[in-house]
Amino acid sequence: MTTDRNPSDYFLDSLTRGDNWFTSLLKTISRWVAPNEVWNGRRYRYLIGNEAFDWLLLAERLLEEAGDLIPEGEKHSLLFNGEPPIPMDSNSFRDLIGPQKYRAHLNFLYGIIVEEALQQAVLEEVAKAKQNLPPKEISLEEDAFATLYGGPRTTLYEEFLELNDDDIESASIEENHSFTYWLFRKRVKNADPSRLASDTMKGIKVFSNLNPRFWSWNQGESENGHY
């Protein structure tokens, strides 16, 4: 990753020069080094499992620092709807944040965002399949996780906690992302190639239908062989 002593200073300087804020934001992200930090009393973990980069979380932190230098409506559109203020495609996005950050972004996109969409899709399939059956003690979520990962969620979560040595706040979004990425890596390791591809496409279909604009300029093939 490109080193820069104060990448946020670069961002603020570019804004005062009148540069386009979104391209300046992505160039600042390309210069960012810290995998996590505490800023303004809040802890930010940008890199999950040393592989998956949450660039939107870093964008949120930088945009907060920029304050009213950026139109509120444009910030909201990016952070909540995934809509950039200028035309953008995956190639331009990759060039602006750099290939290494882009590879790590794809790990987050497929390993966490798409994985969560896949979990929801399988949960709905399990619920539909069992809608006319007598209720059981085990929850639909437990069954869905067993279908995807070979065991109920509670058991998998206990295994994750035993193996994970990161300092992560319990029951936080950060922990949920770490757990989801751990599950994704487990699925990649254990599934046969045809099942892996089928399940991944199922997750992609769900997410891309819900967020077509965001998907159109964030997706791509990973250069590290994951997807």
C-alpha atoms as a PDB file:
ATOM      1  CA  MET A   1       0.000   0.000   0.000  1.00  0.00           C
ATOM      2  CA  THR A   2       1.156   3.523  -0.761  1.00  0.00           C
ATOM      3  CA  THR A   3       2.419   5.285   2.335  1.00  0.00           C
ATOM      4  CA  ASP A   4       1.416   8.797   3.293  1.00  0.00           C
ATOM      5  CA  ARG A   5       2.073  10.448   6.629  1.00  0.00           C
ATOM      6  CA  ASN A   6      -1.235  12.333   6.748  1.00  0.00           C
ATOM      7  CA  PRO A   7      -3.570  11.125   3.993  1.00  0.00           C
ATOM      8  CA  SER A   8      -6.527  12.988   5.487  1.00  0.00           C
ATOM      9  CA  ASP A   9      -4.540  16.220   5.083  1.00  0.00           C
ATOM     10  CA  TYR A  10      -4.197  15.421   1.395  1.00  0.00           C
ATOM     11  CA  PHE A  11      -7.975  15.056   1.193  1.00  0.00           C
ATOM     12  CA  LEU A  12      -8.709  18.338   2.948  1.00  0.00           C
ATOM     13  CA  ASP A  13      -6.090  20.188   0.895  1.00  0.00           C
ATOM     14  CA  SER A  14      -7.586  18.873  -2.342  1.00  0.00           C
ATOM     15  CA  LEU A  15     -11.030  20.046  -1.268  1.00  0.00           C
ATOM     16  CA  THR A  16      -9.795  23.557  -0.552  1.00  0.00           C
ATOM     17  CA  ARG A  17      -8.201  23.595  -4.018  1.00  0.00           C
ATOM     18  CA  GLY A  18     -11.598  22.865  -5.500  1.00  0.00           C
ATOM     19  CA  ASP A  19     -10.824  19.365  -6.760  1.00  0.00           C
ATOM     20  CA  ASN A  20     -13.717  16.965  -7.264  1.00  0.00           C
ATOM     21  CA  TRP A  21     -14.394  15.572  -3.799  1.00  0.00           C
ATOM     22  CA  PHE A  22     -15.150  12.023  -4.880  1.00  0.00           C
ATOM     23  CA  THR A  23     -12.005  11.468  -6.941  1.00  0.00           C
ATOM     24  CA  SER A  24     -10.026  13.140  -4.134  1.00  0.00           C
ATOM     25  CA  LEU A  25     -11.662  10.770  -1.659  1.00  0.00           C
ATOM     26  CA  LEU A  26     -10.668   7.703  -3.670  1.00  0.00           C
ATOM     27  CA  LYS A  27      -7.106   8.996  -4.142  1.00  0.00           C
ATOM     28  CA  THR A  28      -6.918   9.544  -0.388  1.00  0.00           C
ATOM     29  CA  ILE A  29      -8.120   5.980   0.186  1.00  0.00           C
ATOM     30  CA  SER A  30      -5.316   4.759  -2.101  1.00  0.00           C
ATOM     31  CA  ARG A  31      -2.829   6.512   0.214  1.00  0.00           C
ATOM     32  CA  TRP A  32      -4.331   5.177   3.438  1.00  0.00           C
ATOM     33  CA  VAL A  33      -2.181   2.811   5.504  1.00  0.00           C
ATOM     34  CA  ALA A  34      -3.773   2.217   8.928  1.00  0.00           C
ATOM     35  CA  PRO A  35      -5.910  -0.979   9.042  1.00  0.00           C
ATOM     36  CA  ASN A  36      -7.799   0.425  12.034  1.00  0.00           C
ATOM     37  CA  GLU A  37      -7.853   3.502  14.233  1.00  0.00           C
ATOM     38  CA  VAL A  38      -9.733   5.360  16.947  1.00  0.00           C
ATOM     39  CA  TRP A  39     -10.908   8.761  15.722  1.00  0.00           C
ATOM     40  CA  ASN A  40     -13.204  11.165  17.547  1.00  0.00           C
ATOM     41  CA  GLY A  41     -13.842   8.510  20.175  1.00  0.00           C
ATOM     42  CA  ARG A  42     -14.998   5.884  17.699  1.00  0.00           C
ATOM     43  CA  ARG A  43     -13.074   2.789  16.686  1.00  0.00           C
ATOM     44  CA  TYR A  44     -12.827   2.046  12.973  1.00  0.00           C
ATOM     45  CA  ARG A  45     -11.611  -1.283  11.583  1.00  0.00           C
ATOM     46  CA  TYR A  46     -11.115  -0.943   7.843  1.00  0.00           C
ATOM     47  CA  LEU A  47      -9.418  -4.290   7.220  1.00  0.00           C
ATOM     48  CA  ILE A  48     -11.229  -7.507   8.195  1.00  0.00           C
ATOM     49  CA  GLY A  49      -9.239 -10.713   8.560  1.00  0.00           C
ATOM     50  CA  ASN A  50      -6.193  -8.910   7.126  1.00  0.00           C
ATOM     51  CA  GLU A  51      -7.794  -9.343   3.687  1.00  0.00           C
ATOM     52  CA  ALA A  52     -11.149  -7.587   3.330  1.00  0.00           C
ATOM     53  CA  PHE A  53     -11.121  -3.790   3.000  1.00  0.00           C
ATOM     54  CA  ASP A  54     -14.221  -1.778   3.934  1.00  0.00           C
ATOM     55  CA  TRP A  55     -13.583   1.338   1.857  1.00  0.00           C
ATOM     56  CA  LEU A  56     -17.023   2.810   2.577  1.00  0.00           C
ATOM     57  CA  LEU A  57     -16.257   2.830   6.298  1.00  0.00           C
ATOM     58  CA  LEU A  58     -13.065   4.758   5.603  1.00  0.00           C
ATOM     59  CA  ALA A  59     -15.032   7.055   3.288  1.00  0.00           C
ATOM     60  CA  GLU A  60     -17.517   7.706   6.094  1.00  0.00           C
ATOM     61  CA  ARG A  61     -14.710   8.691   8.473  1.00  0.00           C
ATOM     62  CA  LEU A  62     -13.049  11.011   5.913  1.00  0.00           C
ATOM     63  CA  LEU A  63     -16.336  12.628   4.929  1.00  0.00           C
ATOM     64  CA  GLU A  64     -17.118  13.288   8.569  1.00  0.00           C
ATOM     65  CA  GLU A  65     -13.783  15.052   8.939  1.00  0.00           C
ATOM     66  CA  ALA A  66     -14.466  17.114   5.815  1.00  0.00           C
ATOM     67  CA  GLY A  67     -17.729  18.362   7.300  1.00  0.00           C
ATOM     68  CA  ASP A  68     -19.597  20.954   5.274  1.00  0.00           C
ATOM     69  CA  LEU A  69     -16.901  21.080   2.581  1.00  0.00           C
ATOM     70  CA  ILE A  70     -18.983  18.382   0.854  1.00  0.00           C
ATOM     71  CA  PRO A  71     -22.720  18.671   0.070  1.00  0.00           C
ATOM     72  CA  GLU A  72     -24.750  16.689   2.576  1.00  0.00           C
ATOM     73  CA  GLY A  73     -27.001  15.177  -0.081  1.00  0.00           C
ATOM     74  CA  GLU A  74     -24.042  13.815  -2.042  1.00  0.00           C
ATOM     75  CA  LYS A  75     -22.506  12.310   1.090  1.00  0.00           C
ATOM     76  CA  HIS A  76     -25.811  10.647   1.967  1.00  0.00           C
ATOM     77  CA  SER A  77     -26.208   9.259  -1.566  1.00  0.00           C
ATOM     78  CA  LEU A  78     -22.776   7.652  -1.430  1.00  0.00           C
ATOM     79  CA  LEU A  79     -22.866   6.251   2.096  1.00  0.00           C
ATOM     80  CA  PHE A  80     -26.472   5.040   2.159  1.00  0.00           C
ATOM     81  CA  ASN A  81     -27.286   4.358  -1.501  1.00  0.00           C
ATOM     82  CA  GLY A  82     -23.853   3.602  -2.949  1.00  0.00           C
ATOM     83  CA  GLU A  83     -24.304   6.326  -5.577  1.00  0.00           C
ATOM     84  CA  PRO A  84     -21.236   8.395  -6.499  1.00  0.00           C
ATOM     85  CA  PRO A  85     -21.680  12.046  -7.518  1.00  0.00           C
ATOM     86  CA  ILE A  86     -19.929  11.495 -10.864  1.00  0.00           C
ATOM     87  CA  PRO A  87     -20.053   8.668 -13.436  1.00  0.00           C
ATOM     88  CA  MET A  88     -17.951   5.739 -12.250  1.00  0.00           C
ATOM     89  CA  ASP A  89     -17.162   2.216 -13.428  1.00  0.00           C
ATOM     90  CA  SER A  90     -15.193  -0.627 -11.874  1.00  0.00           C
ATOM     91  CA  ASN A  91     -12.040   0.080 -13.929  1.00  0.00           C
ATOM     92  CA  SER A  92     -11.942   3.743 -12.929  1.00  0.00           C
ATOM     93  CA  PHE A  93     -12.687   2.823  -9.328  1.00  0.00           C
ATOM     94  CA  ARG A  94      -9.810   0.326  -9.310  1.00  0.00           C
ATOM     95  CA  ASP A  95      -7.406   2.830 -10.860  1.00  0.00           C
ATOM     96  CA  LEU A  96      -8.271   5.507  -8.296  1.00  0.00           C
ATOM     97  CA  ILE A  97      -7.960   3.386  -5.137  1.00  0.00           C
ATOM     98  CA  GLY A  98      -5.115   1.267  -6.541  1.00  0.00           C
ATOM     99  CA  PRO A  99      -4.972  -2.452  -7.413  1.00  0.00           C
ATOM    100  CA  GLN A 100      -4.003  -3.651  -3.927  1.00  0.00           C
ATOM    101  CA  LYS A 101      -6.837  -1.801  -2.216  1.00  0.00           C
ATOM    102  CA  TYR A 102      -9.195  -2.941  -4.976  1.00  0.00           C
ATOM    103  CA  ARG A 103      -8.307  -6.607  -4.418  1.00  0.00           C
ATOM    104  CA  ALA A 104      -8.957  -6.185  -0.707  1.00  0.00           C
ATOM    105  CA  HIS A 105     -12.216  -4.359  -1.519  1.00  0.00           C
ATOM    106  CA  LEU A 106     -13.355  -7.318  -3.622  1.00  0.00           C
ATOM    107  CA  ASN A 107     -12.685  -9.613  -0.691  1.00  0.00           C
ATOM    108  CA  PHE A 108     -15.013  -7.441   1.396  1.00  0.00           C
ATOM    109  CA  LEU A 109     -17.595  -7.211  -1.382  1.00  0.00           C
ATOM    110  CA  TYR A 110     -17.785 -10.954  -2.028  1.00  0.00           C
ATOM    111  CA  GLY A 111     -16.729 -12.214   1.399  1.00  0.00           C
ATOM    112  CA  ILE A 112     -19.052 -10.051   3.481  1.00  0.00           C
ATOM    113  CA  ILE A 113     -21.648  -8.144   1.452  1.00  0.00           C
ATOM    114  CA  VAL A 114     -22.457 -10.907  -1.038  1.00  0.00           C
ATOM    115  CA  GLU A 115     -22.081 -13.550   1.689  1.00  0.00           C
ATOM    116  CA  GLU A 116     -24.712 -11.806   3.810  1.00  0.00           C
ATOM    117  CA  ALA A 117     -27.031 -11.711   0.776  1.00  0.00           C
ATOM    118  CA  LEU A 118     -26.435 -15.444   0.258  1.00  0.00           C
ATOM    119  CA  GLN A 119     -27.288 -16.146   3.897  1.00  0.00           C
ATOM    120  CA  GLN A 120     -30.555 -14.266   3.494  1.00  0.00           C
ATOM    121  CA  ALA A 121     -31.384 -16.139   0.278  1.00  0.00           C
ATOM    122  CA  VAL A 122     -30.781 -19.541   1.902  1.00  0.00           C
ATOM    123  CA  LEU A 123     -32.754 -18.506   4.988  1.00  0.00           C
ATOM    124  CA  GLU A 124     -35.728 -17.702   2.774  1.00  0.00           C
ATOM    125  CA  GLU A 125     -35.346 -21.024   0.952  1.00  0.00           C
ATOM    126  CA  VAL A 126     -35.310 -22.939   4.245  1.00  0.00           C
ATOM    127  CA  ALA A 127     -38.344 -21.014   5.497  1.00  0.00           C
ATOM    128  CA  LYS A 128     -40.264 -21.753   2.298  1.00  0.00           C
ATOM    129  CA  ALA A 129     -39.350 -25.435   2.366  1.00  0.00           C
ATOM    130  CA  LYS A 130     -40.519 -25.807   5.965  1.00  0.00           C
ATOM    131  CA  GLN A 131     -43.586 -23.591   5.951  1.00  0.00           C
ATOM    132  CA  ASN A 132     -45.979 -26.564   6.039  1.00  0.00           C
ATOM    133  CA  LEU A 133     -43.951 -28.673   8.465  1.00  0.00           C
ATOM    134  CA  PRO A 134     -44.450 -28.837  12.255  1.00  0.00           C
ATOM    135  CA  PRO A 135     -42.300 -26.302  14.164  1.00  0.00           C
ATOM    136  CA  LYS A 136     -38.956 -27.523  15.493  1.00  0.00           C
ATOM    137  CA  GLU A 137     -36.770 -26.445  18.376  1.00  0.00           C
ATOM    138  CA  ILE A 138     -33.975 -25.351  16.040  1.00  0.00           C
ATOM    139  CA  SER A 139     -34.380 -21.977  14.355  1.00  0.00           C
ATOM    140  CA  LEU A 140     -34.508 -21.382  10.616  1.00  0.00           C
ATOM    141  CA  GLU A 141     -31.248 -19.456  10.871  1.00  0.00           C
ATOM    142  CA  GLU A 142     -29.535 -22.460  12.434  1.00  0.00           C
ATOM    143  CA  ASP A 143     -30.793 -24.665   9.594  1.00  0.00           C
ATOM    144  CA  ALA A 144     -29.713 -22.141   6.971  1.00  0.00           C
ATOM    145  CA  PHE A 145     -26.193 -21.967   8.384  1.00  0.00           C
ATOM    146  CA  ALA A 146     -26.012 -25.752   8.536  1.00  0.00           C
ATOM    147  CA  THR A 147     -26.945 -25.852   4.841  1.00  0.00           C
ATOM    148  CA  LEU A 148     -24.241 -23.354   3.902  1.00  0.00           C
ATOM    149  CA  TYR A 149     -21.431 -24.104   6.335  1.00  0.00           C
ATOM    150  CA  GLY A 150     -22.040 -27.592   7.681  1.00  0.00           C
ATOM    151  CA  GLY A 151     -23.153 -26.669  11.186  1.00  0.00           C
ATOM    152  CA  PRO A 152     -25.646 -24.545  13.155  1.00  0.00           C
ATOM    153  CA  ARG A 153     -24.841 -20.876  13.676  1.00  0.00           C
ATOM    154  CA  THR A 154     -24.309 -21.184  17.423  1.00  0.00           C
ATOM    155  CA  THR A 155     -21.691 -23.907  16.976  1.00  0.00           C
ATOM    156  CA  LEU A 156     -19.947 -22.018  14.182  1.00  0.00           C
ATOM    157  CA  TYR A 157     -19.903 -18.832  16.225  1.00  0.00           C
ATOM    158  CA  GLU A 158     -18.304 -20.601  19.187  1.00  0.00           C
ATOM    159  CA  GLU A 159     -15.645 -22.006  16.844  1.00  0.00           C
ATOM    160  CA  PHE A 160     -15.030 -18.538  15.428  1.00  0.00           C
ATOM    161  CA  LEU A 161     -14.554 -17.056  18.903  1.00  0.00           C
ATOM    162  CA  GLU A 162     -12.081 -19.779  19.836  1.00  0.00           C
ATOM    163  CA  LEU A 163      -9.984 -19.229  16.713  1.00  0.00           C
ATOM    164  CA  ASN A 164     -10.203 -15.452  16.480  1.00  0.00           C
ATOM    165  CA  ASP A 165      -7.552 -13.516  18.394  1.00  0.00           C
ATOM    166  CA  ASP A 166      -8.401  -9.992  17.192  1.00  0.00           C
ATOM    167  CA  ASP A 167      -9.490  -7.417  19.727  1.00  0.00           C
ATOM    168  CA  ILE A 168     -13.069  -7.038  18.513  1.00  0.00           C
ATOM    169  CA  GLU A 169     -15.963  -5.610  20.467  1.00  0.00           C
ATOM    170  CA  SER A 170     -18.600  -8.266  21.124  1.00  0.00           C
ATOM    171  CA  ALA A 171     -21.955  -7.961  19.332  1.00  0.00           C
ATOM    172  CA  SER A 172     -20.648  -5.140  17.126  1.00  0.00           C
ATOM    173  CA  ILE A 173     -20.877  -4.617  13.372  1.00  0.00           C
ATOM    174  CA  GLU A 174     -17.132  -5.187  13.328  1.00  0.00           C
ATOM    175  CA  GLU A 175     -17.549  -8.610  14.937  1.00  0.00           C
ATOM    176  CA  ASN A 176     -20.394  -9.520  12.603  1.00  0.00           C
ATOM    177  CA  HIS A 177     -18.248  -8.644   9.581  1.00  0.00           C
ATOM    178  CA  SER A 178     -15.345 -10.680  10.949  1.00  0.00           C
ATOM    179  CA  PHE A 179     -17.600 -13.667  11.593  1.00  0.00           C
ATOM    180  CA  THR A 180     -19.171 -13.419   8.136  1.00  0.00           C
ATOM    181  CA  TYR A 181     -15.779 -13.258   6.450  1.00  0.00           C
ATOM    182  CA  TRP A 182     -14.601 -16.238   8.475  1.00  0.00           C
ATOM    183  CA  LEU A 183     -17.680 -18.163   7.313  1.00  0.00           C
ATOM    184  CA  PHE A 184     -17.000 -17.138   3.718  1.00  0.00           C
ATOM    185  CA  ARG A 185     -13.436 -18.459   3.899  1.00  0.00           C
ATOM    186  CA  LYS A 186     -14.749 -21.684   5.456  1.00  0.00           C
ATOM    187  CA  ARG A 187     -17.259 -22.094   2.614  1.00  0.00           C
ATOM    188  CA  VAL A 188     -14.592 -21.420  -0.025  1.00  0.00           C
ATOM    189  CA  LYS A 189     -12.307 -23.992   1.554  1.00  0.00           C
ATOM    190  CA  ASN A 190     -14.866 -26.779   1.943  1.00  0.00           C
ATOM    191  CA  ALA A 191     -17.330 -26.465  -0.956  1.00  0.00           C
ATOM    192  CA  ASP A 192     -16.904 -28.238  -4.273  1.00  0.00           C
ATOM    193  CA  PRO A 193     -16.321 -25.806  -7.162  1.00  0.00           C
ATOM    194  CA  SER A 194     -19.774 -26.152  -8.750  1.00  0.00           C
ATOM    195  CA  ARG A 195     -21.569 -25.658  -5.420  1.00  0.00           C
ATOM    196  CA  LEU A 196     -19.284 -22.735  -4.593  1.00  0.00           C
ATOM    197  CA  ALA A 197     -20.054 -21.008  -7.885  1.00  0.00           C
ATOM    198  CA  SER A 198     -23.779 -21.678  -7.611  1.00  0.00           C
ATOM    199  CA  ASP A 199     -24.053 -20.337  -4.082  1.00  0.00           C
ATOM    200  CA  THR A 200     -21.969 -17.283  -4.891  1.00  0.00           C
ATOM    201  CA  MET A 201     -24.131 -16.444  -7.902  1.00  0.00           C
ATOM    202  CA  LYS A 202     -27.189 -16.777  -5.678  1.00  0.00           C
ATOM    203  CA  GLY A 203     -25.778 -14.152  -3.327  1.00  0.00           C
ATOM    204  CA  ILE A 204     -24.763 -11.901  -6.213  1.00  0.00           C
ATOM    205  CA  LYS A 205     -28.255 -12.054  -7.686  1.00  0.00           C
ATOM    206  CA  VAL A 206     -29.865 -11.016  -4.416  1.00  0.00           C
ATOM    207  CA  PHE A 207     -27.479  -8.153  -3.741  1.00  0.00           C
ATOM    208  CA  SER A 208     -27.255  -6.842  -7.311  1.00  0.00           C
ATOM    209  CA  ASN A 209     -31.054  -6.761  -7.538  1.00  0.00           C
ATOM    210  CA  LEU A 210     -31.264  -4.767  -4.316  1.00  0.00           C
ATOM    211  CA  ASN A 211     -28.360  -2.431  -5.131  1.00  0.00           C
ATOM    212  CA  PRO A 212     -27.862  -2.395  -8.915  1.00  0.00           C
ATOM    213  CA  ARG A 213     -26.165   1.008  -9.024  1.00  0.00           C
ATOM    214  CA  PHE A 214     -23.608   0.168  -6.353  1.00  0.00           C
ATOM    215  CA  TRP A 215     -22.954  -3.255  -7.852  1.00  0.00           C
ATOM    216  CA  SER A 216     -22.382  -1.839 -11.346  1.00  0.00           C
ATOM    217  CA  TRP A 217     -19.228   0.057 -10.386  1.00  0.00           C
ATOM    218  CA  ASN A 218     -17.954  -1.969  -7.412  1.00  0.00           C
ATOM    219  CA  GLN A 219     -17.953  -5.501  -8.782  1.00  0.00           C
ATOM    220  CA  GLY A 220     -15.259  -7.296 -10.744  1.00  0.00           C
ATOM    221  CA  GLU A 221     -13.047 -10.352 -10.728  1.00  0.00           C
ATOM    222  CA  SER A 222     -10.602 -10.624  -7.883  1.00  0.00           C
ATOM    223  CA  GLU A 223      -6.980 -10.796  -8.921  1.00  0.00           C
ATOM    224  CA  ASN A 224      -6.040 -13.013  -5.965  1.00  0.00           C
ATOM    225  CA  GLY A 225      -8.111 -15.973  -7.097  1.00  0.00           C
ATOM    226  CA  HIS A 226     -11.026 -15.702  -4.663  1.00  0.00           C
ATOM    227  CA  TYR A 227     -13.549 -14.345  -7.199  1.00  0.00           C
END
